Protein backbone atom coordinates (compact mmCIF):
# COMPACT_ATOMS: atom_id res chain seq x y z
CA MET A 1 0.00 -0.11 -0.19
CA THR A 2 1.76 3.45 -1.34
CA ARG A 3 -0.27 6.52 -0.24
CA ASP A 4 0.18 9.83 -2.32
CA PRO A 5 1.87 12.30 0.33
CA ARG A 6 -0.79 14.74 -0.84
CA VAL A 7 -3.51 12.92 0.86
CA HIS A 8 -1.99 14.01 4.45
CA ASP A 9 -2.70 17.39 3.43
CA LEU A 10 -5.77 17.53 1.86
CA ILE A 11 -7.11 15.63 5.00
CA ARG A 12 -5.67 18.03 7.69
CA GLU A 13 -6.87 20.88 5.36
CA ALA A 14 -10.48 19.67 5.18
CA VAL A 15 -10.74 18.75 8.91
CA GLU A 16 -9.68 22.22 9.81
CA LYS A 17 -11.68 23.78 7.27
CA HIS A 18 -14.87 21.80 8.96
CA GLU A 19 -13.82 21.89 12.76
CA ALA A 20 -16.04 24.58 13.46
CA GLU A 21 -19.46 22.69 11.94
CA LEU A 22 -18.33 18.98 13.69
CA VAL A 23 -18.45 20.96 17.13
CA ASP A 24 -21.29 22.73 16.75
CA LEU A 25 -22.61 19.15 15.54
CA ARG A 26 -21.52 17.48 18.58
CA ARG A 27 -22.93 19.70 20.62
CA ASP A 28 -26.15 19.11 18.95
CA LEU A 29 -26.15 15.35 19.16
CA HIS A 30 -25.17 15.66 23.07
CA ALA A 31 -27.81 18.11 23.60
CA HIS A 32 -30.36 15.64 22.01
CA PRO A 33 -29.66 11.88 22.96
CA GLU A 34 -31.44 9.36 22.23
CA LEU A 35 -31.40 5.44 23.73
CA SER A 36 -30.51 2.37 21.79
CA TRP A 37 -32.69 1.45 18.83
CA HIS A 38 -34.39 4.97 18.84
CA GLU A 39 -31.33 6.91 17.12
CA GLU A 40 -34.23 8.64 14.24
CA ARG A 41 -32.78 12.00 14.87
CA THR A 42 -29.41 11.25 15.00
CA CYS A 43 -29.21 8.91 12.10
CA ALA A 44 -31.25 11.84 9.60
CA LEU A 45 -28.72 14.40 10.79
CA VAL A 46 -25.60 12.25 9.77
CA ALA A 47 -27.04 10.71 6.68
CA ALA A 48 -27.97 14.18 5.44
CA ARG A 49 -24.19 15.26 6.20
CA VAL A 50 -22.34 12.85 4.34
CA GLU A 51 -24.56 12.61 1.61
CA GLU A 52 -24.60 16.41 0.90
CA ALA A 53 -20.62 15.48 0.71
CA GLY A 54 -21.13 12.97 -1.92
CA TRP A 55 -21.42 9.88 0.13
CA ARG A 56 -24.06 7.20 -1.19
CA VAL A 57 -26.24 6.82 1.84
CA THR A 58 -28.55 3.93 2.67
CA ALA A 59 -30.77 3.76 5.91
CA MET A 60 -30.91 0.87 7.52
CA PRO A 61 -33.82 -1.06 8.81
CA ARG A 62 -35.06 -0.53 12.18
CA SER A 63 -31.76 2.07 13.15
CA GLY A 64 -28.64 3.02 11.57
CA VAL A 65 -27.00 4.15 8.09
CA VAL A 66 -24.69 3.01 5.97
CA ALA A 67 -22.72 5.44 3.53
CA GLU A 68 -20.07 4.62 1.14
CA LEU A 69 -17.56 6.55 -1.26
CA GLY A 70 -15.51 5.10 -3.99
CA GLU A 71 -16.16 2.92 -7.06
CA ARG A 72 -13.77 0.05 -6.57
CA GLY A 73 -10.45 -1.48 -5.40
CA PRO A 74 -10.22 -2.76 -1.49
CA VAL A 75 -12.72 -1.83 1.24
CA ALA A 76 -12.24 0.31 4.66
CA ALA A 77 -15.12 0.60 6.86
CA LEU A 78 -15.32 3.32 9.72
CA ARG A 79 -17.46 2.67 12.41
CA ALA A 80 -19.63 4.87 14.99
CA ASP A 81 -21.75 4.15 17.80
CA LEU A 82 -25.04 6.26 17.86
CA ASP A 83 -26.94 6.15 20.89
CA ALA A 84 -26.87 7.56 24.34
CA LEU A 85 -27.54 5.96 28.07
CA PRO A 86 -30.57 5.99 30.36
CA VAL A 87 -28.34 8.67 32.48
CA HIS A 88 -29.07 12.18 33.82
CA ASP A 89 -26.78 14.97 33.02
CA ILE A 90 -25.61 16.79 35.28
CA THR A 91 -23.16 19.45 33.93
CA ASP A 92 -24.24 22.70 33.48
CA ASP A 93 -22.87 23.20 29.24
CA PRO A 94 -25.15 25.02 27.58
CA TRP A 95 -25.39 22.17 25.29
CA ARG A 96 -26.14 19.70 27.92
CA SER A 97 -29.16 17.20 27.32
CA THR A 98 -32.41 18.56 26.93
CA VAL A 99 -34.11 14.77 27.36
CA PRO A 100 -34.52 14.38 30.52
CA ASP A 101 -33.02 10.96 32.34
CA VAL A 102 -31.06 10.31 28.64
CA ALA A 103 -27.20 11.44 27.80
CA HIS A 104 -24.53 10.84 26.12
CA ALA A 105 -22.59 9.75 28.89
CA CYS A 106 -20.19 7.28 26.75
CA GLY A 107 -18.81 9.67 24.42
CA HIS A 108 -20.84 8.35 21.35
CA ASP A 109 -21.69 11.66 20.13
CA VAL A 110 -17.87 12.32 19.74
CA HIS A 111 -17.46 9.13 18.04
CA THR A 112 -19.94 9.79 15.42
CA THR A 113 -18.94 13.19 15.01
CA ALA A 114 -14.95 12.25 14.24
CA VAL A 115 -16.26 9.83 11.86
CA VAL A 116 -18.75 12.54 9.91
CA GLY A 117 -15.43 14.44 9.99
CA ALA A 118 -13.58 11.79 8.51
CA ALA A 119 -16.04 11.61 5.79
CA LEU A 120 -15.75 15.15 5.02
CA ALA A 121 -11.78 14.67 5.15
CA LEU A 122 -12.02 11.52 2.88
CA SER A 123 -14.61 13.24 0.20
CA ARG A 124 -12.25 15.92 -0.31
CA VAL A 125 -9.68 13.25 -0.84
CA HIS A 126 -11.70 11.29 -3.62
CA GLU A 127 -12.74 14.85 -5.30
CA GLU A 128 -8.94 14.97 -6.09
CA GLY A 129 -8.63 11.20 -7.41
CA LEU A 130 -6.42 10.47 -4.88
CA LEU A 131 -9.03 7.43 -2.88
CA GLY A 132 -7.21 4.53 -3.73
CA GLY A 133 -10.61 2.21 -3.02
CA ARG A 134 -13.67 2.61 -1.15
CA VAL A 135 -14.82 3.56 2.39
CA ARG A 136 -17.83 2.58 4.34
CA LEU A 137 -18.96 4.37 6.94
CA LEU A 138 -21.21 2.19 10.00
CA PHE A 139 -23.39 4.50 11.85
CA GLN A 140 -24.75 2.31 14.30
CA PRO A 141 -27.65 1.63 16.93
CA ALA A 142 -27.63 0.12 20.20
CA GLU A 143 -23.97 -0.32 21.07
CA GLU A 144 -24.99 -0.17 24.84
CA VAL A 145 -27.40 -2.79 25.06
CA MET A 146 -27.43 -6.90 24.32
CA PRO A 147 -27.57 -8.09 21.64
CA GLY A 148 -26.60 -4.92 19.90
CA GLY A 149 -26.58 -2.88 17.01
CA ALA A 150 -23.35 -4.69 15.28
CA VAL A 151 -24.90 -8.03 15.44
CA HIS A 152 -27.80 -5.96 13.42
CA LEU A 153 -25.73 -4.50 10.56
CA MET A 154 -24.01 -7.69 10.39
CA SER A 155 -26.91 -9.39 9.81
CA LEU A 156 -27.73 -6.89 6.75
CA GLY A 157 -24.63 -7.77 5.32
CA VAL A 158 -22.69 -4.21 6.06
CA LEU A 159 -19.31 -6.23 6.14
CA GLU A 160 -19.28 -7.31 2.49
CA ASP A 161 -16.07 -7.01 0.61
CA VAL A 162 -15.03 -4.88 3.78
CA ASP A 163 -10.95 -6.10 4.13
CA ARG A 164 -10.12 -3.53 7.26
CA ILE A 165 -12.73 -1.45 9.83
CA PHE A 166 -11.73 1.25 12.16
CA ALA A 167 -13.56 2.58 15.53
CA LEU A 168 -12.32 5.10 18.05
CA HIS A 169 -13.50 5.25 21.66
CA CYS A 170 -12.87 8.08 24.16
CA ASP A 171 -10.74 7.55 27.00
CA PRO A 172 -11.20 10.70 29.71
CA GLY A 173 -8.22 9.38 31.03
CA VAL A 174 -5.77 10.43 28.66
CA ASP A 175 -5.27 13.53 27.19
CA VAL A 176 -6.17 15.19 24.32
CA GLY A 177 -3.42 15.13 21.74
CA GLN A 178 -2.48 11.47 22.52
CA VAL A 179 -4.57 8.87 21.15
CA GLY A 180 -4.12 5.18 22.99
CA LEU A 181 -3.37 1.87 21.04
CA ARG A 182 -2.66 -1.85 22.05
CA LEU A 183 -1.93 -4.62 20.02
CA GLY A 184 -4.06 -7.77 20.48
CA PRO A 185 -7.03 -7.76 23.62
CA LEU A 186 -8.19 -4.62 24.05
CA THR A 187 -11.54 -4.59 26.07
CA SER A 188 -12.96 -8.10 27.46
CA ALA A 189 -15.78 -10.04 26.57
CA ALA A 190 -19.14 -9.25 28.67
CA ASP A 191 -21.67 -11.54 29.59
CA ARG A 192 -24.85 -11.35 31.94
CA VAL A 193 -25.49 -14.04 34.27
CA GLU A 194 -28.97 -14.14 36.52
CA VAL A 195 -29.12 -17.29 39.21
CA ARG A 196 -32.44 -17.93 40.28
CA LEU A 197 -32.69 -20.38 43.41
CA GLU A 198 -36.01 -22.44 44.56
CA GLY A 199 -36.30 -24.47 47.63
CA ARG A 200 -38.41 -25.19 50.82
CA GLY A 201 -38.62 -22.02 53.06
CA GLY A 202 -39.11 -21.76 56.74
CA HIS A 203 -38.37 -20.26 60.26
CA THR A 204 -34.90 -19.32 60.61
CA SER A 205 -34.72 -21.46 63.93
CA ARG A 206 -35.04 -24.80 61.95
CA PRO A 207 -32.64 -24.17 58.76
CA HIS A 208 -32.19 -28.06 58.96
CA LEU A 209 -36.02 -28.53 58.01
CA THR A 210 -35.53 -25.94 55.06
CA GLY A 211 -33.00 -25.79 52.15
CA ASP A 212 -32.01 -22.44 53.81
CA LEU A 213 -31.68 -20.73 50.65
CA THR A 214 -30.10 -17.38 51.47
CA PHE A 215 -27.28 -19.18 52.89
CA ALA A 216 -27.18 -21.04 49.55
CA LEU A 217 -27.12 -17.97 47.05
CA ALA A 218 -24.48 -16.27 49.60
CA LYS A 219 -22.38 -19.34 48.64
CA VAL A 220 -23.15 -18.95 44.98
CA THR A 221 -22.32 -15.29 45.45
CA THR A 222 -18.73 -15.79 46.97
CA GLU A 223 -18.03 -19.26 45.72
CA LEU A 224 -18.30 -19.07 41.71
CA PRO A 225 -16.12 -16.24 41.29
CA ALA A 226 -13.65 -18.40 43.73
CA VAL A 227 -14.22 -21.83 41.71
CA LEU A 228 -13.67 -19.91 38.20
CA SER A 229 -10.52 -18.84 39.11
CA ARG A 230 -9.21 -22.57 39.52
CA ARG A 231 -11.33 -24.25 36.94
CA MET A 232 -10.38 -21.68 33.97
CA ASP A 233 -6.89 -20.08 32.73
CA PRO A 234 -5.58 -17.18 35.11
CA ARG A 235 -4.41 -15.57 32.20
CA ALA A 236 -7.65 -15.10 30.58
CA GLY A 237 -8.58 -12.33 33.09
CA VAL A 238 -11.80 -13.97 34.21
CA SER A 239 -14.18 -11.40 36.47
CA VAL A 240 -17.63 -11.93 38.05
CA VAL A 241 -19.27 -9.26 39.63
CA TRP A 242 -22.51 -9.15 41.21
CA GLY A 243 -24.67 -6.08 40.88
CA MET A 244 -27.97 -7.58 42.53
CA VAL A 245 -28.41 -10.02 45.09
CA ARG A 246 -32.11 -10.31 46.36
CA ALA A 247 -33.82 -12.47 48.70
CA GLY A 248 -36.08 -12.30 51.72
CA ALA A 249 -38.12 -9.99 53.35
CA ALA A 250 -37.78 -10.57 57.20
CA PRO A 251 -34.99 -11.36 59.20
CA ASN A 252 -36.15 -14.39 60.92
CA VAL A 253 -37.82 -15.83 57.58
CA ILE A 254 -36.09 -18.21 55.55
CA PRO A 255 -37.32 -17.40 51.42
CA ASP A 256 -38.46 -19.48 49.04
CA VAL A 257 -36.80 -17.60 46.37
CA GLY A 258 -34.08 -15.42 45.90
CA ALA A 259 -31.73 -14.17 42.81
CA LEU A 260 -28.56 -12.73 42.22
CA ALA A 261 -27.36 -10.93 38.92
CA GLY A 262 -24.18 -9.72 37.54
CA THR A 263 -21.31 -9.74 34.84
CA VAL A 264 -19.01 -12.03 33.55
CA ARG A 265 -15.81 -10.42 31.80
CA ILE A 266 -12.95 -12.20 29.81
CA LEU A 267 -10.21 -11.01 28.24
CA ASP A 268 -9.52 -14.47 26.21
CA ALA A 269 -11.68 -15.45 23.35
CA VAL A 270 -10.98 -19.19 23.65
CA ALA A 271 -12.00 -19.14 26.99
CA TRP A 272 -15.07 -16.70 26.43
CA ALA A 273 -16.01 -19.69 24.14
CA ASP A 274 -15.77 -22.42 27.06
CA CYS A 275 -17.12 -19.84 30.01
CA GLU A 276 -20.90 -20.53 29.77
CA ARG A 277 -20.95 -24.30 30.26
CA ILE A 278 -18.11 -23.96 33.18
CA VAL A 279 -20.51 -21.29 35.20
CA ARG A 280 -23.52 -23.57 34.62
CA GLU A 281 -21.75 -26.42 35.95
CA VAL A 282 -20.59 -24.69 38.96
CA VAL A 283 -23.71 -22.90 39.81
CA HIS A 284 -25.48 -26.30 40.14
CA GLU A 285 -22.42 -28.06 42.14
CA ILE A 286 -22.15 -25.28 44.62
CA VAL A 287 -25.94 -25.66 45.82
CA ALA A 288 -26.12 -29.55 45.42
CA PRO A 289 -25.35 -29.74 49.09
CA TYR A 290 -28.31 -27.38 50.14
CA GLY A 291 -31.27 -29.23 48.33
CA VAL A 292 -32.53 -25.78 46.61
CA THR A 293 -32.52 -26.13 42.78
CA ALA A 294 -30.98 -23.26 40.49
CA VAL A 295 -31.88 -22.08 37.19
CA VAL A 296 -29.07 -20.35 35.23
CA ASP A 297 -29.73 -17.57 33.04
CA TYR A 298 -26.62 -16.84 30.82
CA GLN A 299 -26.90 -14.59 28.15
CA ARG A 300 -23.43 -13.87 25.85
CA GLY A 301 -22.66 -10.46 25.27
CA VAL A 302 -19.91 -9.34 23.09
CA PRO A 303 -16.31 -10.71 22.54
CA PRO A 304 -13.20 -9.20 23.57
CA VAL A 305 -11.91 -6.42 21.00
CA VAL A 306 -8.74 -7.65 19.64
CA ASN A 307 -6.49 -5.23 17.57
CA GLU A 308 -4.80 -7.04 14.66
CA PRO A 309 -1.18 -6.33 13.96
CA VAL A 310 -2.20 -4.74 10.35
CA SER A 311 -4.58 -2.71 11.23
CA ASN A 312 -3.02 -1.72 14.45
CA ARG A 313 0.10 -0.42 12.51
CA ILE A 314 -2.04 1.09 10.03
CA LEU A 315 -3.33 3.04 12.99
CA ALA A 316 -0.11 3.63 14.54
CA ARG A 317 1.32 5.37 11.48
CA ALA A 318 -1.82 7.60 11.14
CA VAL A 319 -1.64 8.47 14.99
CA HIS A 320 2.11 9.71 14.36
CA ASP A 321 0.92 11.33 10.81
CA VAL A 322 -1.54 13.50 12.82
CA LEU A 323 0.16 13.89 16.00
CA GLY A 324 3.81 13.20 15.95
CA ASP A 325 6.06 11.41 17.89
CA GLY A 326 4.44 11.81 21.23
CA GLY A 327 0.88 10.99 20.07
CA GLN A 328 0.67 7.74 20.87
CA VAL A 329 0.42 6.07 24.44
CA VAL A 330 0.03 2.66 25.17
CA ALA A 331 -3.75 1.96 26.51
CA PRO A 332 -4.55 -0.63 29.26
CA GLN A 333 -6.97 -3.76 28.76
CA SER A 334 -10.27 -2.51 29.87
CA LEU A 335 -12.62 -4.98 31.39
CA GLY A 336 -15.41 -3.34 29.82
CA GLY A 337 -17.37 -4.50 26.84
CA GLU A 338 -17.53 -3.17 23.31
CA ASP A 339 -19.89 -5.00 20.49
CA PHE A 340 -16.99 -3.89 17.88
CA GLY A 341 -15.68 -6.91 18.56
CA TRP A 342 -18.46 -8.63 16.74
CA TYR A 343 -17.05 -6.92 13.54
CA LEU A 344 -13.07 -7.95 14.41
CA ASP A 345 -14.43 -11.52 14.85
CA GLN A 346 -15.37 -11.54 10.92
CA VAL A 347 -12.87 -9.28 9.55
CA PRO A 348 -9.57 -7.63 10.30
CA GLY A 349 -9.51 -4.07 12.45
CA ALA A 350 -8.35 -2.24 15.17
CA MET A 351 -9.90 0.22 17.76
CA MET A 352 -8.13 3.26 19.36
CA ARG A 353 -8.61 4.97 22.60
CA LEU A 354 -9.03 8.91 21.80
CA GLY A 355 -7.51 11.17 24.54
CA THR A 356 -10.47 14.06 25.79
CA ARG A 357 -8.78 15.18 29.01
CA THR A 358 -7.89 18.98 28.88
CA PRO A 359 -4.07 18.81 30.37
CA GLY A 360 -4.11 19.36 33.96
CA GLY A 361 -8.10 19.38 34.03
CA PRO A 362 -10.11 16.42 36.01
CA THR A 363 -10.44 13.14 35.06
CA TYR A 364 -14.04 12.10 34.11
CA ASP A 365 -15.38 8.40 34.08
CA LEU A 366 -17.25 6.96 31.53
CA HIS A 367 -21.17 6.52 31.93
CA GLN A 368 -21.40 8.94 34.25
CA GLY A 369 -23.78 12.03 33.94
CA ASP A 370 -21.01 14.52 34.70
CA LEU A 371 -18.67 13.41 31.47
CA ARG A 372 -17.07 16.03 29.71
CA VAL A 373 -14.53 15.99 26.91
CA ASP A 374 -12.28 18.36 25.43
CA GLU A 375 -13.66 19.13 21.85
CA ARG A 376 -10.44 19.25 20.19
CA ALA A 377 -10.41 15.62 20.32
CA ILE A 378 -12.77 15.70 17.56
CA GLY A 379 -10.26 17.00 15.09
CA ILE A 380 -7.84 14.64 16.22
CA GLY A 381 -10.09 11.24 15.88
CA ALA A 382 -11.52 12.69 12.44
CA ARG A 383 -8.04 13.25 11.15
CA VAL A 384 -6.49 9.33 12.37
CA LEU A 385 -9.53 7.85 11.01
CA ALA A 386 -9.58 9.51 7.71
CA GLU A 387 -5.59 8.82 7.57
CA ALA A 388 -6.31 5.23 8.15
CA ALA A 389 -9.28 4.59 5.97
CA ALA A 390 -7.02 6.44 3.47
CA ALA A 391 -3.69 4.27 3.90
CA ALA A 392 -5.94 1.10 4.36
CA VAL A 393 -7.55 1.20 0.49
CA ALA A 394 -4.21 3.09 -0.98
CA THR A 395 -3.25 0.87 -4.26
CA ASP A 396 -0.09 1.58 -5.93
CA ARG A 397 -0.34 3.36 -9.71
């Protein structure tokens, strides 16, 4: 792949030209967030803007937008997630959410705007006849729910002919002007598990006449994570954390039903494939001595995001071209789930961590109502994505 050196300047000039527009778009999206599968306004905005820039746009059934530029040659895809979270925006920014209890608390407004910016830059490259192949934009709904929008778009054939795919995710722990990259696993697989126990209840003075369901539930709570640490390869990074434990209503009554629910996160794709079977086996083994029955509802969520070597190198080169020698930092592995992993299960690709923290400023956390981003990150993300896509489809002439 040999990229014409003029491409870099065209991308930089185009993004700089549209930078104020992109900031306005991000603020508009932030002020009008939409939950998973309800991204109608967001889809309409991005579809209209990229179509105006010369992209061939297709509105997807239910939700989502796909756009393509170029006529022939290799295909690179850029993915943006559109949905917001059921979180209350507690900032006092003029562009804070106008929708009660809905906010872009994960930065998807930034992701979407960066891909729009990349689209505008690549349109300029295409106008000059310097786009060596095709680029496809995947504006994806419902990243925040399971099963998510990636599976939906894939079922509609959006990866057909795609040779490589790229994405970004905001990282409020990294300064703006830096991008985190990591070869191999970047995020973990993320599944949900709910365990429901049933057994004979009774008085707490006579536990031997009951299944002592609350005690059995407590054993599952502590023993399942402990047993998995021995039944599964520790290098897989298996983590079980409970978010809900519920049983009983009185201190002297042993209930006859109880439940707990949580997440299972795994850094290794091979271990992930075997985890559901082991969890089911272990739960039944734990409760067997107590005379209660267990029903395990295990929902496989998303696979890990595993950055492929060539794609990761393309992103690294793009980061260097945009930010210079100090622009790249090592991204730590995260136990967060990200449905971009489904795409990487089918085609090579990589995701980068876009720094959004103002240097010297506070560090925010994702999925929190006070999330703020340094909007200079938008142009950086747009340029890096455009550089990566252009490099991925470059053909020798």
